[in-house]
Amino acid sequence: MSANAAAPSAQAPRCLVTGASGFVGAALCRHLLARGWTVHALAHRHPERVPTGCASLTRADLLTDDGWRARLDQVDCVVHSAGHAHSAWDGSAAQRERIIAANVRPCAALGREAFRRGLHVVLISSASVFGEASAQALTPDSPLRPAGPYAESKWLAEHALRKAAEPLGGRWTIIRPPLVYGPGVRANFLRLMRWIDRGWPLPLGAVNNRRSLIGVDNLADLIGTVLLDGTAQQRVLLPADSHWSTPALVRALARALDRPARLIAVPEGALRVAAAIASRLGASRLAAPLHTLTRSLALHDAWLADALGWQAPLSPAEGLQATADWFRQTGGAEGRHTATRSGGT
């Protein structure tokens, strides 16, 4: 602990969670609250999504508002999960600059203020900093090849946090999760669930890949462990609770949804050509999942189990079932999924 580090609370540990209304941030708030933490939430948008029970809820932009700085004097640590979410890039320089600015500058500002107060900062980055795919399992020391402005912004945010820490002896941990699933999931994973639920034939039966996933509640549990264990400081962590081929994941999701897995064996090369054509035509809703579902991106971080002693509390089957149950209860998120489904059970 640095000389100016804030002493941990004699009562409940205290944490500021940025992005507390987001998928990961809200899950983390629920996890910490259930374990007796005092949680201060920061959410720029959708305050109604912040779990109840937080000691405070600050609606603020990290760059344009000042109210969040006072909250740093009331906590022992910070988890930064706010930022621009992964989305399709239209190829424009303007969008690239917006994405990078949204993820880098707030991280740098938060890091400077937190490190001045001696706080431990956990940054939720992304495995996308390694690139879109890798034939070999990735470790924390694997070379970085960020492709696209989102991945680039995550890498630059990591760099900004470390740079802010250097002159102050700041304590940080960087977590690079793979695709995160769980109740409330969006984007490609939600799209895949809709396809399965509607009984659509999926041309993914011949895909031979390996991708790491982690459930959002397992990720929240890891973050809580990291906040309490000083050995995780100044480390980059690659969490995963399961590794799947795309056909195996489709079958597992189909079981959880009680739907048939309608897989068709289309050669991977043909799928990649289709993804490239869809991308050129601007059909990102088709191109993005095809790119993801046909490539490998597996993580390996033995330190998590061997040294930190962390194991995911929920099995992949439990996590997928919880996701499927949420999907059924909500109609597929925000009412965009109808109750009428094609195909039989």
Foldseek 3Di string as FASTA:
>chain_A
DFPLADDADPAAAEEEEEPCLDDLNQLLQVVSVVVPHAYEYEYQDDPVSHDPDHPYYHHDQLVPDDPVLVVLVVHQAYEYPDADDDDDDPPDPVVLVVRLCRQAVSLLSVLLSNLVNNHEYEYEAALLQQPLFDPDADEQPHDGDRDGSRSVSRVNNVVSNVVSCVVRVHWYAYEHEYAEAFQPDDALVLVLLLCQQQVHADAQPAADAKEFYYYSNLVSVLVVLPNVDSVRIPYYHYDGQDMDQLLVVLCLLCVLLVGDRRYHHDDLVVLQVVLVVCVVVVVCSRNVNSSNNRHYHHYDYVCCCPPSVDHRPDHPSRRSNNRSVSCVVCQSPPPPHDPDHDDDD
